């Protein structure tokens, strides 16, 4: 029988808020991948600091979180487990928050010119 903290499906609380279960330490690599491949890191100083702490040399050389992910030693990931889990929880909360405009759907515009700069 799985532990409640190990369930992967979100649960609705009595106040109507969707809550995801806490991540386990086994999930650190998956959480780190989510942080790396979501561009929110580019405007979140705490996540940038985390990437620098996990793999200082690749981060200083490239400022590329994918390079950090590839270079990160398992010991470095384990050492920063609490921070990885905290940044992952913040990312989930950020993605799950309701739209600021009420019933208006979210729209994204991708500009190659902006991405290149």
PDB file of N, CA and C in Angstrom:
ATOM      1  N   UNK A   1       0.837  -1.172   0.000  1.00  0.00           N
ATOM      2  CA  UNK A   1       0.000   0.000   0.000  1.00  0.00           C
ATOM      3  C   UNK A   1       0.889   1.246   0.000  1.00  0.00           C
ATOM      4  N   UNK A   2       0.669   2.193  -0.920  1.00  0.00           N
ATOM      5  CA  UNK A   2       1.541   3.368  -0.985  1.00  0.00           C
ATOM      6  C   UNK A   2       1.305   4.323   0.169  1.00  0.00           C
ATOM      7  N   UNK A   3       2.366   5.001   0.533  1.00  0.00           N
ATOM      8  CA  UNK A   3       2.297   6.045   1.540  1.00  0.00           C
ATOM      9  C   UNK A   3       1.531   7.224   0.933  1.00  0.00           C
ATOM     10  N   UNK A   4       0.751   7.936   1.735  1.00  0.00           N
ATOM     11  CA  UNK A   4      -0.024   9.073   1.235  1.00  0.00           C
ATOM     12  C   UNK A   4       0.892  10.096   0.563  1.00  0.00           C
ATOM     13  N   UNK A   5       2.069  10.331   1.115  1.00  0.00           N
ATOM     14  CA  UNK A   5       3.001  11.317   0.557  1.00  0.00           C
ATOM     15  C   UNK A   5       3.548  10.878  -0.786  1.00  0.00           C
ATOM     16  N   UNK A   6       3.373   9.600  -1.149  1.00  0.00           N
ATOM     17  CA  UNK A   6       3.910   9.109  -2.401  1.00  0.00           C
ATOM     18  C   UNK A   6       2.899   9.171  -3.540  1.00  0.00           C
ATOM     19  N   UNK A   7       1.660   9.522  -3.254  1.00  0.00           N
ATOM     20  CA  UNK A   7       0.656   9.594  -4.306  1.00  0.00           C
ATOM     21  C   UNK A   7       1.018  10.704  -5.277  1.00  0.00           C
ATOM     22  N   UNK A   8       0.764  10.477  -6.534  1.00  0.00           N
ATOM     23  CA  UNK A   8       1.162  11.475  -7.524  1.00  0.00           C
ATOM     24  C   UNK A   8      -0.007  12.324  -8.003  1.00  0.00           C
ATOM     25  N   UNK A   9      -1.221  11.963  -7.626  1.00  0.00           N
ATOM     26  CA  UNK A   9      -2.375  12.716  -8.090  1.00  0.00           C
ATOM     27  C   UNK A   9      -2.679  13.869  -7.137  1.00  0.00           C
ATOM     28  N   UNK A  10      -3.039  15.028  -7.698  1.00  0.00           N
ATOM     29  CA  UNK A  10      -3.399  16.157  -6.840  1.00  0.00           C
ATOM     30  C   UNK A  10      -4.658  15.831  -6.046  1.00  0.00           C
ATOM     31  N   UNK A  11      -4.815  16.470  -4.897  1.00  0.00           N
ATOM     32  CA  UNK A  11      -5.991  16.257  -4.068  1.00  0.00           C
ATOM     33  C   UNK A  11      -6.644  17.602  -3.801  1.00  0.00           C
ATOM     34  N   UNK A  12      -7.971  17.607  -3.755  1.00  0.00           N
ATOM     35  CA  UNK A  12      -8.728  18.817  -3.470  1.00  0.00           C
ATOM     36  C   UNK A  12      -8.900  18.926  -1.956  1.00  0.00           C
ATOM     37  N   UNK A  13      -8.630  20.104  -1.409  1.00  0.00           N
ATOM     38  CA  UNK A  13      -8.806  20.314   0.017  1.00  0.00           C
ATOM     39  C   UNK A  13     -10.211  20.830   0.291  1.00  0.00           C
ATOM     40  N   UNK A  14     -10.582  20.946   1.554  1.00  0.00           N
ATOM     41  CA  UNK A  14     -11.930  21.393   1.908  1.00  0.00           C
ATOM     42  C   UNK A  14     -12.186  22.836   1.499  1.00  0.00           C
ATOM     43  N   UNK A  15     -11.121  23.640   1.375  1.00  0.00           N
ATOM     44  CA  UNK A  15     -11.315  25.031   0.961  1.00  0.00           C
ATOM     45  C   UNK A  15     -11.307  25.188  -0.557  1.00  0.00           C
ATOM     46  N   UNK A  16     -11.307  24.064  -1.281  1.00  0.00           N
ATOM     47  CA  UNK A  16     -11.392  24.107  -2.737  1.00  0.00           C
ATOM     48  C   UNK A  16     -10.076  24.328  -3.451  1.00  0.00           C
ATOM     49  N   UNK A  17      -8.970  24.287  -2.718  1.00  0.00           N
ATOM     50  CA  UNK A  17      -7.657  24.504  -3.307  1.00  0.00           C
ATOM     51  C   UNK A  17      -7.077  23.157  -3.731  1.00  0.00           C
ATOM     52  N   UNK A  18      -6.534  23.106  -4.926  1.00  0.00           N
ATOM     53  CA  UNK A  18      -5.907  21.893  -5.414  1.00  0.00           C
ATOM     54  C   UNK A  18      -4.512  21.786  -4.823  1.00  0.00           C
ATOM     55  N   UNK A  19      -4.242  20.719  -4.103  1.00  0.00           N
ATOM     56  CA  UNK A  19      -2.938  20.517  -3.472  1.00  0.00           C
ATOM     57  C   UNK A  19      -2.287  19.278  -4.058  1.00  0.00           C
ATOM     58  N   UNK A  20      -1.030  19.401  -4.354  1.00  0.00           N
ATOM     59  CA  UNK A  20      -0.268  18.247  -4.809  1.00  0.00           C
ATOM     60  C   UNK A  20       0.458  17.657  -3.612  1.00  0.00           C
ATOM     61  N   UNK A  21       0.672  16.361  -3.628  1.00  0.00           N
ATOM     62  CA  UNK A  21       1.392  15.760  -2.505  1.00  0.00           C
ATOM     63  C   UNK A  21       2.842  16.214  -2.483  1.00  0.00           C
ATOM     64  N   UNK A  22       3.461  16.123  -1.334  1.00  0.00           N
ATOM     65  CA  UNK A  22       4.873  16.469  -1.220  1.00  0.00           C
ATOM     66  C   UNK A  22       5.707  15.497  -2.023  1.00  0.00           C
ATOM     67  N   UNK A  23       6.743  16.012  -2.614  1.00  0.00           N
ATOM     68  CA  UNK A  23       7.670  15.171  -3.373  1.00  0.00           C
ATOM     69  C   UNK A  23       8.606  14.458  -2.400  1.00  0.00           C
ATOM     70  N   UNK A  24       8.995  13.261  -2.766  1.00  0.00           N
ATOM     71  CA  UNK A  24       9.960  12.519  -1.974  1.00  0.00           C
ATOM     72  C   UNK A  24      11.356  12.827  -2.478  1.00  0.00           C
ATOM     73  N   UNK A  25      12.338  12.541  -1.683  1.00  0.00           N
ATOM     74  CA  UNK A  25      13.725  12.773  -2.082  1.00  0.00           C
ATOM     75  C   UNK A  25      14.101  11.947  -3.296  1.00  0.00           C
ATOM     76  N   UNK A  26      13.429  10.812  -3.518  1.00  0.00           N
ATOM     77  CA  UNK A  26      13.712   9.989  -4.696  1.00  0.00           C
ATOM     78  C   UNK A  26      13.401  10.758  -5.982  1.00  0.00           C
ATOM     79  N   UNK A  27      12.518  11.727  -5.875  1.00  0.00           N
ATOM     80  CA  UNK A  27      12.054  12.467  -7.042  1.00  0.00           C
ATOM     81  C   UNK A  27      12.933  13.675  -7.370  1.00  0.00           C
ATOM     82  N   UNK A  28      14.076  13.819  -6.715  1.00  0.00           N
ATOM     83  CA  UNK A  28      14.899  15.012  -6.890  1.00  0.00           C
ATOM     84  C   UNK A  28      15.302  15.233  -8.345  1.00  0.00           C
ATOM     85  N   UNK A  29      15.716  14.180  -9.026  1.00  0.00           N
ATOM     86  CA  UNK A  29      16.145  14.336 -10.421  1.00  0.00           C
ATOM     87  C   UNK A  29      14.984  14.819 -11.278  1.00  0.00           C
ATOM     88  N   UNK A  30      13.799  14.292 -11.029  1.00  0.00           N
ATOM     89  CA  UNK A  30      12.617  14.700 -11.802  1.00  0.00           C
ATOM     90  C   UNK A  30      12.259  16.165 -11.510  1.00  0.00           C
ATOM     91  N   UNK A  31      12.308  16.553 -10.249  1.00  0.00           N
ATOM     92  CA  UNK A  31      12.011  17.937  -9.874  1.00  0.00           C
ATOM     93  C   UNK A  31      13.036  18.878 -10.490  1.00  0.00           C
ATOM     94  N   UNK A  32      14.304  18.493 -10.450  1.00  0.00           N
ATOM     95  CA  UNK A  32      15.351  19.320 -11.049  1.00  0.00           C
ATOM     96  C   UNK A  32      15.135  19.474 -12.548  1.00  0.00           C
ATOM     97  N   UNK A  33      14.732  18.409 -13.216  1.00  0.00           N
ATOM     98  CA  UNK A  33      14.427  18.492 -14.650  1.00  0.00           C
ATOM     99  C   UNK A  33      13.279  19.466 -14.906  1.00  0.00           C
ATOM    100  N   UNK A  34      12.247  19.426 -14.080  1.00  0.00           N
ATOM    101  CA  UNK A  34      11.131  20.363 -14.241  1.00  0.00           C
ATOM    102  C   UNK A  34      11.608  21.801 -14.108  1.00  0.00           C
ATOM    103  N   UNK A  35      12.499  22.048 -13.157  1.00  0.00           N
ATOM    104  CA  UNK A  35      13.030  23.397 -12.971  1.00  0.00           C
ATOM    105  C   UNK A  35      13.872  23.831 -14.164  1.00  0.00           C
ATOM    106  N   UNK A  36      14.656  22.915 -14.687  1.00  0.00           N
ATOM    107  CA  UNK A  36      15.552  23.227 -15.806  1.00  0.00           C
ATOM    108  C   UNK A  36      14.770  23.545 -17.072  1.00  0.00           C
ATOM    109  N   UNK A  37      13.747  22.765 -17.363  1.00  0.00           N
ATOM    110  CA  UNK A  37      13.054  22.897 -18.634  1.00  0.00           C
ATOM    111  C   UNK A  37      11.852  23.835 -18.595  1.00  0.00           C
ATOM    112  N   UNK A  38      11.663  24.552 -17.503  1.00  0.00           N
ATOM    113  CA  UNK A  38      10.634  25.583 -17.440  1.00  0.00           C
ATOM    114  C   UNK A  38      11.356  26.926 -17.385  1.00  0.00           C
ATOM    115  N   UNK A  39      11.075  27.794 -18.309  1.00  0.00           N
ATOM    116  CA  UNK A  39      11.804  29.065 -18.411  1.00  0.00           C
ATOM    117  C   UNK A  39      11.577  30.023 -17.245  1.00  0.00           C
ATOM    118  N   UNK A  40      10.767  29.642 -16.289  1.00  0.00           N
ATOM    119  CA  UNK A  40      10.572  30.492 -15.120  1.00  0.00           C
ATOM    120  C   UNK A  40      11.900  30.755 -14.415  1.00  0.00           C
ATOM    121  N   UNK A  41      12.853  29.826 -14.531  1.00  0.00           N
ATOM    122  CA  UNK A  41      14.153  30.017 -13.870  1.00  0.00           C
ATOM    123  C   UNK A  41      14.806  31.323 -14.305  1.00  0.00           C
ATOM    124  N   UNK A  42      14.523  31.768 -15.534  1.00  0.00           N
ATOM    125  CA  UNK A  42      15.217  32.948 -16.062  1.00  0.00           C
ATOM    126  C   UNK A  42      14.838  34.239 -15.334  1.00  0.00           C
ATOM    127  N   UNK A  43      13.724  34.262 -14.627  1.00  0.00           N
ATOM    128  CA  UNK A  43      13.380  35.442 -13.837  1.00  0.00           C
ATOM    129  C   UNK A  43      13.173  35.109 -12.355  1.00  0.00           C
ATOM    130  N   UNK A  44      13.673  33.962 -11.936  1.00  0.00           N
ATOM    131  CA  UNK A  44      13.566  33.574 -10.536  1.00  0.00           C
ATOM    132  C   UNK A  44      14.973  33.450  -9.939  1.00  0.00           C
ATOM    133  N   UNK A  45      15.432  34.465  -9.217  1.00  0.00           N
ATOM    134  CA  UNK A  45      16.799  34.452  -8.681  1.00  0.00           C
ATOM    135  C   UNK A  45      17.098  33.247  -7.788  1.00  0.00           C
ATOM    136  N   UNK A  46      16.126  32.754  -7.047  1.00  0.00           N
ATOM    137  CA  UNK A  46      16.378  31.611  -6.163  1.00  0.00           C
ATOM    138  C   UNK A  46      16.721  30.356  -6.965  1.00  0.00           C
ATOM    139  N   UNK A  47      16.069  30.164  -8.102  1.00  0.00           N
ATOM    140  CA  UNK A  47      16.368  29.001  -8.946  1.00  0.00           C
ATOM    141  C   UNK A  47      17.721  29.167  -9.621  1.00  0.00           C
ATOM    142  N   UNK A  48      18.040  30.369 -10.045  1.00  0.00           N
ATOM    143  CA  UNK A  48      19.358  30.631 -10.633  1.00  0.00           C
ATOM    144  C   UNK A  48      20.444  30.342  -9.603  1.00  0.00           C
ATOM    145  N   UNK A  49      20.236  30.785  -8.367  1.00  0.00           N
ATOM    146  CA  UNK A  49      21.206  30.510  -7.296  1.00  0.00           C
ATOM    147  C   UNK A  49      21.348  29.008  -7.056  1.00  0.00           C
ATOM    148  N   UNK A  50      20.246  28.289  -7.153  1.00  0.00           N
ATOM    149  CA  UNK A  50      20.284  26.833  -6.984  1.00  0.00           C
ATOM    150  C   UNK A  50      21.136  26.192  -8.075  1.00  0.00           C
ATOM    151  N   UNK A  51      20.932  26.583  -9.320  1.00  0.00           N
ATOM    152  CA  UNK A  51      21.737  26.022 -10.415  1.00  0.00           C
ATOM    153  C   UNK A  51      23.217  26.305 -10.198  1.00  0.00           C
ATOM    154  N   UNK A  52      23.536  27.518  -9.749  1.00  0.00           N
ATOM    155  CA  UNK A  52      24.927  27.884  -9.491  1.00  0.00           C
ATOM    156  C   UNK A  52      25.510  27.045  -8.360  1.00  0.00           C
ATOM    157  N   UNK A  53      24.708  26.783  -7.335  1.00  0.00           N
ATOM    158  CA  UNK A  53      25.188  26.000  -6.193  1.00  0.00           C
ATOM    159  C   UNK A  53      25.406  24.530  -6.554  1.00  0.00           C
ATOM    160  N   UNK A  54      24.554  23.990  -7.411  1.00  0.00           N
ATOM    161  CA  UNK A  54      24.657  22.573  -7.770  1.00  0.00           C
ATOM    162  C   UNK A  54      25.886  22.303  -8.628  1.00  0.00           C
ATOM    163  N   UNK A  55      26.130  23.157  -9.612  1.00  0.00           N
ATOM    164  CA  UNK A  55      27.273  22.958 -10.514  1.00  0.00           C
ATOM    165  C   UNK A  55      27.866  24.326 -10.860  1.00  0.00           C
ATOM    166  N   UNK A  56      28.700  24.880  -9.989  1.00  0.00           N
ATOM    167  CA  UNK A  56      29.212  26.243 -10.178  1.00  0.00           C
ATOM    168  C   UNK A  56      29.993  26.454 -11.472  1.00  0.00           C
ATOM    169  N   UNK A  57      30.853  25.525 -11.829  1.00  0.00           N
ATOM    170  CA  UNK A  57      31.697  25.720 -13.021  1.00  0.00           C
ATOM    171  C   UNK A  57      30.866  25.730 -14.304  1.00  0.00           C
ATOM    172  N   UNK A  58      30.030  24.726 -14.555  1.00  0.00           N
ATOM    173  CA  UNK A  58      29.224  24.792 -15.785  1.00  0.00           C
ATOM    174  C   UNK A  58      28.280  25.996 -15.816  1.00  0.00           C
ATOM    175  N   UNK A  59      27.721  26.350 -14.651  1.00  0.00           N
ATOM    176  CA  UNK A  59      26.812  27.495 -14.633  1.00  0.00           C
ATOM    177  C   UNK A  59      27.567  28.788 -14.943  1.00  0.00           C
ATOM    178  N   UNK A  60      28.713  28.981 -14.328  1.00  0.00           N
ATOM    179  CA  UNK A  60      29.491  30.202 -14.565  1.00  0.00           C
ATOM    180  C   UNK A  60      29.959  30.304 -16.010  1.00  0.00           C
ATOM    181  N   UNK A  61      30.275  29.162 -16.599  1.00  0.00           N
ATOM    182  CA  UNK A  61      30.765  29.142 -17.976  1.00  0.00           C
ATOM    183  C   UNK A  61      29.647  29.342 -19.005  1.00  0.00           C
ATOM    184  N   UNK A  62      28.471  28.749 -18.760  1.00  0.00           N
ATOM    185  CA  UNK A  62      27.427  28.726 -19.795  1.00  0.00           C
ATOM    186  C   UNK A  62      26.135  29.443 -19.427  1.00  0.00           C
ATOM    187  N   UNK A  63      25.830  29.568 -18.152  1.00  0.00           N
ATOM    188  CA  UNK A  63      24.519  30.067 -17.698  1.00  0.00           C
ATOM    189  C   UNK A  63      23.391  29.277 -18.360  1.00  0.00           C
ATOM    190  N   UNK A  64      23.623  27.993 -18.513  1.00  0.00           N
ATOM    191  CA  UNK A  64      22.677  27.090 -19.158  1.00  0.00           C
ATOM    192  C   UNK A  64      22.268  26.016 -18.161  1.00  0.00           C
ATOM    193  N   UNK A  65      20.990  25.977 -17.752  1.00  0.00           N
ATOM    194  CA  UNK A  65      20.576  24.988 -16.765  1.00  0.00           C
ATOM    195  C   UNK A  65      20.669  23.551 -17.276  1.00  0.00           C
ATOM    196  N   UNK A  66      20.592  23.345 -18.579  1.00  0.00           N
ATOM    197  CA  UNK A  66      20.746  21.994 -19.125  1.00  0.00           C
ATOM    198  C   UNK A  66      22.177  21.509 -18.887  1.00  0.00           C
ATOM    199  N   UNK A  67      23.151  22.392 -19.032  1.00  0.00           N
ATOM    200  CA  UNK A  67      24.542  22.033 -18.741  1.00  0.00           C
ATOM    201  C   UNK A  67      24.702  21.681 -17.264  1.00  0.00           C
ATOM    202  N   UNK A  68      23.998  22.395 -16.405  1.00  0.00           N
ATOM    203  CA  UNK A  68      24.034  22.093 -14.973  1.00  0.00           C
ATOM    204  C   UNK A  68      23.439  20.716 -14.727  1.00  0.00           C
ATOM    205  N   UNK A  69      22.313  20.435 -15.354  1.00  0.00           N
ATOM    206  CA  UNK A  69      21.658  19.137 -15.193  1.00  0.00           C
ATOM    207  C   UNK A  69      22.576  17.996 -15.625  1.00  0.00           C
ATOM    208  N   UNK A  70      23.257  18.177 -16.741  1.00  0.00           N
ATOM    209  CA  UNK A  70      24.163  17.134 -17.243  1.00  0.00           C
ATOM    210  C   UNK A  70      25.392  16.970 -16.359  1.00  0.00           C
ATOM    211  N   UNK A  71      25.867  18.062 -15.755  1.00  0.00           N
ATOM    212  CA  UNK A  71      27.099  18.027 -14.973  1.00  0.00           C
ATOM    213  C   UNK A  71      26.865  17.750 -13.488  1.00  0.00           C
ATOM    214  N   UNK A  72      25.633  17.828 -13.049  1.00  0.00           N
ATOM    215  CA  UNK A  72      25.345  17.707 -11.619  1.00  0.00           C
ATOM    216  C   UNK A  72      25.665  16.311 -11.098  1.00  0.00           C
ATOM    217  N   UNK A  73      26.501  16.272 -10.095  1.00  0.00           N
ATOM    218  CA  UNK A  73      26.837  15.011  -9.442  1.00  0.00           C
ATOM    219  C   UNK A  73      25.695  14.624  -8.507  1.00  0.00           C
ATOM    220  N   UNK A  74      25.429  13.335  -8.362  1.00  0.00           N
ATOM    221  CA  UNK A  74      24.359  12.908  -7.438  1.00  0.00           C
ATOM    222  C   UNK A  74      24.554  13.449  -6.021  1.00  0.00           C
ATOM    223  N   UNK A  75      25.815  13.574  -5.593  1.00  0.00           N
ATOM    224  CA  UNK A  75      26.087  14.113  -4.255  1.00  0.00           C
ATOM    225  C   UNK A  75      25.648  15.577  -4.160  1.00  0.00           C
ATOM    226  N   UNK A  76      25.879  16.349  -5.227  1.00  0.00           N
ATOM    227  CA  UNK A  76      25.481  17.760  -5.226  1.00  0.00           C
ATOM    228  C   UNK A  76      23.965  17.885  -5.211  1.00  0.00           C
ATOM    229  N   UNK A  77      23.305  17.017  -5.937  1.00  0.00           N
ATOM    230  CA  UNK A  77      21.842  17.040  -5.947  1.00  0.00           C
ATOM    231  C   UNK A  77      21.320  16.695  -4.558  1.00  0.00           C
ATOM    232  N   UNK A  78      21.878  15.673  -3.938  1.00  0.00           N
ATOM    233  CA  UNK A  78      21.447  15.277  -2.592  1.00  0.00           C
ATOM    234  C   UNK A  78      21.735  16.372  -1.572  1.00  0.00           C
ATOM    235  N   UNK A  79      22.867  17.045  -1.732  1.00  0.00           N
ATOM    236  CA  UNK A  79      23.249  18.112  -0.810  1.00  0.00           C
ATOM    237  C   UNK A  79      22.256  19.272  -0.846  1.00  0.00           C
ATOM    238  N   UNK A  80      21.677  19.520  -2.010  1.00  0.00           N
ATOM    239  CA  UNK A  80      20.748  20.643  -2.180  1.00  0.00           C
ATOM    240  C   UNK A  80      19.297  20.176  -2.271  1.00  0.00           C
ATOM    241  N   UNK A  81      19.008  19.022  -1.679  1.00  0.00           N
ATOM    242  CA  UNK A  81      17.674  18.415  -1.769  1.00  0.00           C
ATOM    243  C   UNK A  81      16.568  19.351  -1.281  1.00  0.00           C
ATOM    244  N   UNK A  82      16.764  19.964  -0.129  1.00  0.00           N
ATOM    245  CA  UNK A  82      15.717  20.831   0.425  1.00  0.00           C
ATOM    246  C   UNK A  82      15.431  22.009  -0.503  1.00  0.00           C
ATOM    247  N   UNK A  83      16.473  22.597  -1.050  1.00  0.00           N
ATOM    248  CA  UNK A  83      16.293  23.733  -1.952  1.00  0.00           C
ATOM    249  C   UNK A  83      15.622  23.304  -3.261  1.00  0.00           C
ATOM    250  N   UNK A  84      15.993  22.143  -3.783  1.00  0.00           N
ATOM    251  CA  UNK A  84      15.373  21.627  -5.010  1.00  0.00           C
ATOM    252  C   UNK A  84      13.888  21.410  -4.776  1.00  0.00           C
ATOM    253  N   UNK A  85      13.546  20.780  -3.658  1.00  0.00           N
ATOM    254  CA  UNK A  85      12.141  20.529  -3.348  1.00  0.00           C
ATOM    255  C   UNK A  85      11.377  21.837  -3.137  1.00  0.00           C
ATOM    256  N   UNK A  86      12.004  22.803  -2.490  1.00  0.00           N
ATOM    257  CA  UNK A  86      11.348  24.097  -2.264  1.00  0.00           C
ATOM    258  C   UNK A  86      11.111  24.827  -3.580  1.00  0.00           C
ATOM    259  N   UNK A  87      12.125  24.871  -4.448  1.00  0.00           N
ATOM    260  CA  UNK A  87      11.955  25.529  -5.746  1.00  0.00           C
ATOM    261  C   UNK A  87      10.911  24.784  -6.594  1.00  0.00           C
ATOM    262  N   UNK A  88      10.898  23.452  -6.512  1.00  0.00           N
ATOM    263  CA  UNK A  88       9.898  22.663  -7.243  1.00  0.00           C
ATOM    264  C   UNK A  88       8.488  22.958  -6.764  1.00  0.00           C
ATOM    265  N   UNK A  89       8.315  23.082  -5.451  1.00  0.00           N
ATOM    266  CA  UNK A  89       6.995  23.411  -4.889  1.00  0.00           C
ATOM    267  C   UNK A  89       6.564  24.808  -5.328  1.00  0.00           C
ATOM    268  N   UNK A  90       7.507  25.749  -5.353  1.00  0.00           N
ATOM    269  CA  UNK A  90       7.185  27.106  -5.816  1.00  0.00           C
ATOM    270  C   UNK A  90       6.769  27.099  -7.281  1.00  0.00           C
ATOM    271  N   UNK A  91       7.458  26.303  -8.094  1.00  0.00           N
ATOM    272  CA  UNK A  91       7.112  26.210  -9.511  1.00  0.00           C
ATOM    273  C   UNK A  91       5.705  25.635  -9.675  1.00  0.00           C
ATOM    274  N   UNK A  92       5.381  24.579  -8.954  1.00  0.00           N
ATOM    275  CA  UNK A  92       4.038  23.996  -9.036  1.00  0.00           C
ATOM    276  C   UNK A  92       2.982  25.005  -8.616  1.00  0.00           C
ATOM    277  N   UNK A  93       3.251  25.731  -7.535  1.00  0.00           N
ATOM    278  CA  UNK A  93       2.310  26.740  -7.061  1.00  0.00           C
ATOM    279  C   UNK A  93       2.135  27.838  -8.116  1.00  0.00           C
ATOM    280  N   UNK A  94       3.219  28.250  -8.724  1.00  0.00           N
ATOM    281  CA  UNK A  94       3.183  29.266  -9.771  1.00  0.00           C
ATOM    282  C   UNK A  94       2.345  28.791 -10.962  1.00  0.00           C
ATOM    283  N   UNK A  95       2.525  27.542 -11.373  1.00  0.00           N
ATOM    284  CA  UNK A  95       1.802  27.008 -12.526  1.00  0.00           C
ATOM    285  C   UNK A  95       0.334  26.749 -12.225  1.00  0.00           C
ATOM    286  N   UNK A  96       0.007  26.459 -10.974  1.00  0.00           N
ATOM    287  CA  UNK A  96      -1.364  26.120 -10.604  1.00  0.00           C
ATOM    288  C   UNK A  96      -2.205  27.316 -10.181  1.00  0.00           C
ATOM    289  N   UNK A  97      -1.611  28.477 -10.074  1.00  0.00           N
ATOM    290  CA  UNK A  97      -2.371  29.635  -9.599  1.00  0.00           C
ATOM    291  C   UNK A  97      -3.446  30.018 -10.616  1.00  0.00           C
ATOM    292  N   UNK A  98      -4.545  30.556 -10.141  1.00  0.00           N
ATOM    293  CA  UNK A  98      -5.617  30.953 -11.054  1.00  0.00           C
ATOM    294  C   UNK A  98      -5.198  32.155 -11.897  1.00  0.00           C
ATOM    295  N   UNK A  99      -5.825  32.289 -13.038  1.00  0.00           N
ATOM    296  CA  UNK A  99      -5.546  33.399 -13.939  1.00  0.00           C
ATOM    297  C   UNK A  99      -5.865  34.723 -13.254  1.00  0.00           C
ATOM    298  N   UNK A 100      -5.021  35.710 -13.453  1.00  0.00           N
ATOM    299  CA  UNK A 100      -5.225  37.029 -12.847  1.00  0.00           C
ATOM    300  C   UNK A 100      -6.405  37.768 -13.480  1.00  0.00           C
ATOM    301  N   UNK A 101      -6.823  37.313 -14.652  1.00  0.00           N
ATOM    302  CA  UNK A 101      -7.902  37.987 -15.365  1.00  0.00           C
ATOM    303  C   UNK A 101      -9.227  37.247 -15.274  1.00  0.00           C
ATOM    304  N   UNK A 102      -9.386  36.435 -14.265  1.00  0.00           N
ATOM    305  CA  UNK A 102     -10.653  35.732 -14.086  1.00  0.00           C
ATOM    306  C   UNK A 102     -10.868  34.661 -15.134  1.00  0.00           C
ATOM    307  N   UNK A 103     -11.952  34.765 -15.898  1.00  0.00           N
ATOM    308  CA  UNK A 103     -12.312  33.739 -16.871  1.00  0.00           C
ATOM    309  C   UNK A 103     -11.612  33.852 -18.207  1.00  0.00           C
ATOM    310  N   UNK A 104     -10.693  34.779 -18.352  1.00  0.00           N
ATOM    311  CA  UNK A 104      -9.988  34.967 -19.620  1.00  0.00           C
ATOM    312  C   UNK A 104      -8.931  33.876 -19.767  1.00  0.00           C
ATOM    313  N   UNK A 105      -8.912  33.170 -20.884  1.00  0.00           N
ATOM    314  CA  UNK A 105      -7.901  32.108 -21.053  1.00  0.00           C
ATOM    315  C   UNK A 105      -6.499  32.703 -21.163  1.00  0.00           C
ATOM    316  N   UNK A 106      -5.524  31.908 -20.748  1.00  0.00           N
ATOM    317  CA  UNK A 106      -4.130  32.331 -20.853  1.00  0.00           C
ATOM    318  C   UNK A 106      -3.654  32.136 -22.283  1.00  0.00           C
ATOM    319  N   UNK A 107      -2.892  33.087 -22.760  1.00  0.00           N
ATOM    320  CA  UNK A 107      -2.360  33.035 -24.107  1.00  0.00           C
ATOM    321  C   UNK A 107      -0.865  33.316 -24.036  1.00  0.00           C
ATOM    322  N   UNK A 108      -0.089  32.612 -24.827  1.00  0.00           N
ATOM    323  CA  UNK A 108       1.349  32.831 -24.854  1.00  0.00           C
ATOM    324  C   UNK A 108       1.767  33.230 -26.263  1.00  0.00           C
ATOM    325  N   UNK A 109       2.685  34.162 -26.349  1.00  0.00           N
ATOM    326  CA  UNK A 109       3.229  34.585 -27.628  1.00  0.00           C
ATOM    327  C   UNK A 109       4.718  34.309 -27.608  1.00  0.00           C
ATOM    328  N   UNK A 110       5.200  33.582 -28.588  1.00  0.00           N
ATOM    329  CA  UNK A 110       6.610  33.242 -28.653  1.00  0.00           C
ATOM    330  C   UNK A 110       7.265  34.007 -29.793  1.00  0.00           C
ATOM    331  N   UNK A 111       8.309  34.730 -29.471  1.00  0.00           N
ATOM    332  CA  UNK A 111       9.015  35.545 -30.441  1.00  0.00           C
ATOM    333  C   UNK A 111      10.438  35.030 -30.592  1.00  0.00           C
ATOM    334  N   UNK A 112      10.806  34.628 -31.794  1.00  0.00           N
ATOM    335  CA  UNK A 112      12.165  34.152 -32.038  1.00  0.00           C
ATOM    336  C   UNK A 112      13.190  35.254 -31.786  1.00  0.00           C
ATOM    337  N   UNK A 113      12.834  36.489 -32.147  1.00  0.00           N
ATOM    338  CA  UNK A 113      13.749  37.597 -31.943  1.00  0.00           C
ATOM    339  C   UNK A 113      14.058  37.785 -30.460  1.00  0.00           C
ATOM    340  N   UNK A 114      13.025  37.680 -29.622  1.00  0.00           N
ATOM    341  CA  UNK A 114      13.213  37.821 -28.194  1.00  0.00           C
ATOM    342  C   UNK A 114      14.053  36.669 -27.643  1.00  0.00           C
ATOM    343  N   UNK A 115      13.782  35.470 -28.097  1.00  0.00           N
ATOM    344  CA  UNK A 115      14.513  34.299 -27.616  1.00  0.00           C
ATOM    345  C   UNK A 115      15.991  34.366 -27.976  1.00  0.00           C
ATOM    346  N   UNK A 116      16.297  34.879 -29.130  1.00  0.00           N
ATOM    347  CA  UNK A 116      17.696  34.972 -29.573  1.00  0.00           C
ATOM    348  C   UNK A 116      18.465  35.965 -28.722  1.00  0.00           C
ATOM    349  N   UNK A 117      17.820  37.073 -28.358  1.00  0.00           N
ATOM    350  CA  UNK A 117      18.514  38.065 -27.539  1.00  0.00           C
ATOM    351  C   UNK A 117      18.584  37.598 -26.114  1.00  0.00           C
TER     352      UNK A 117
END
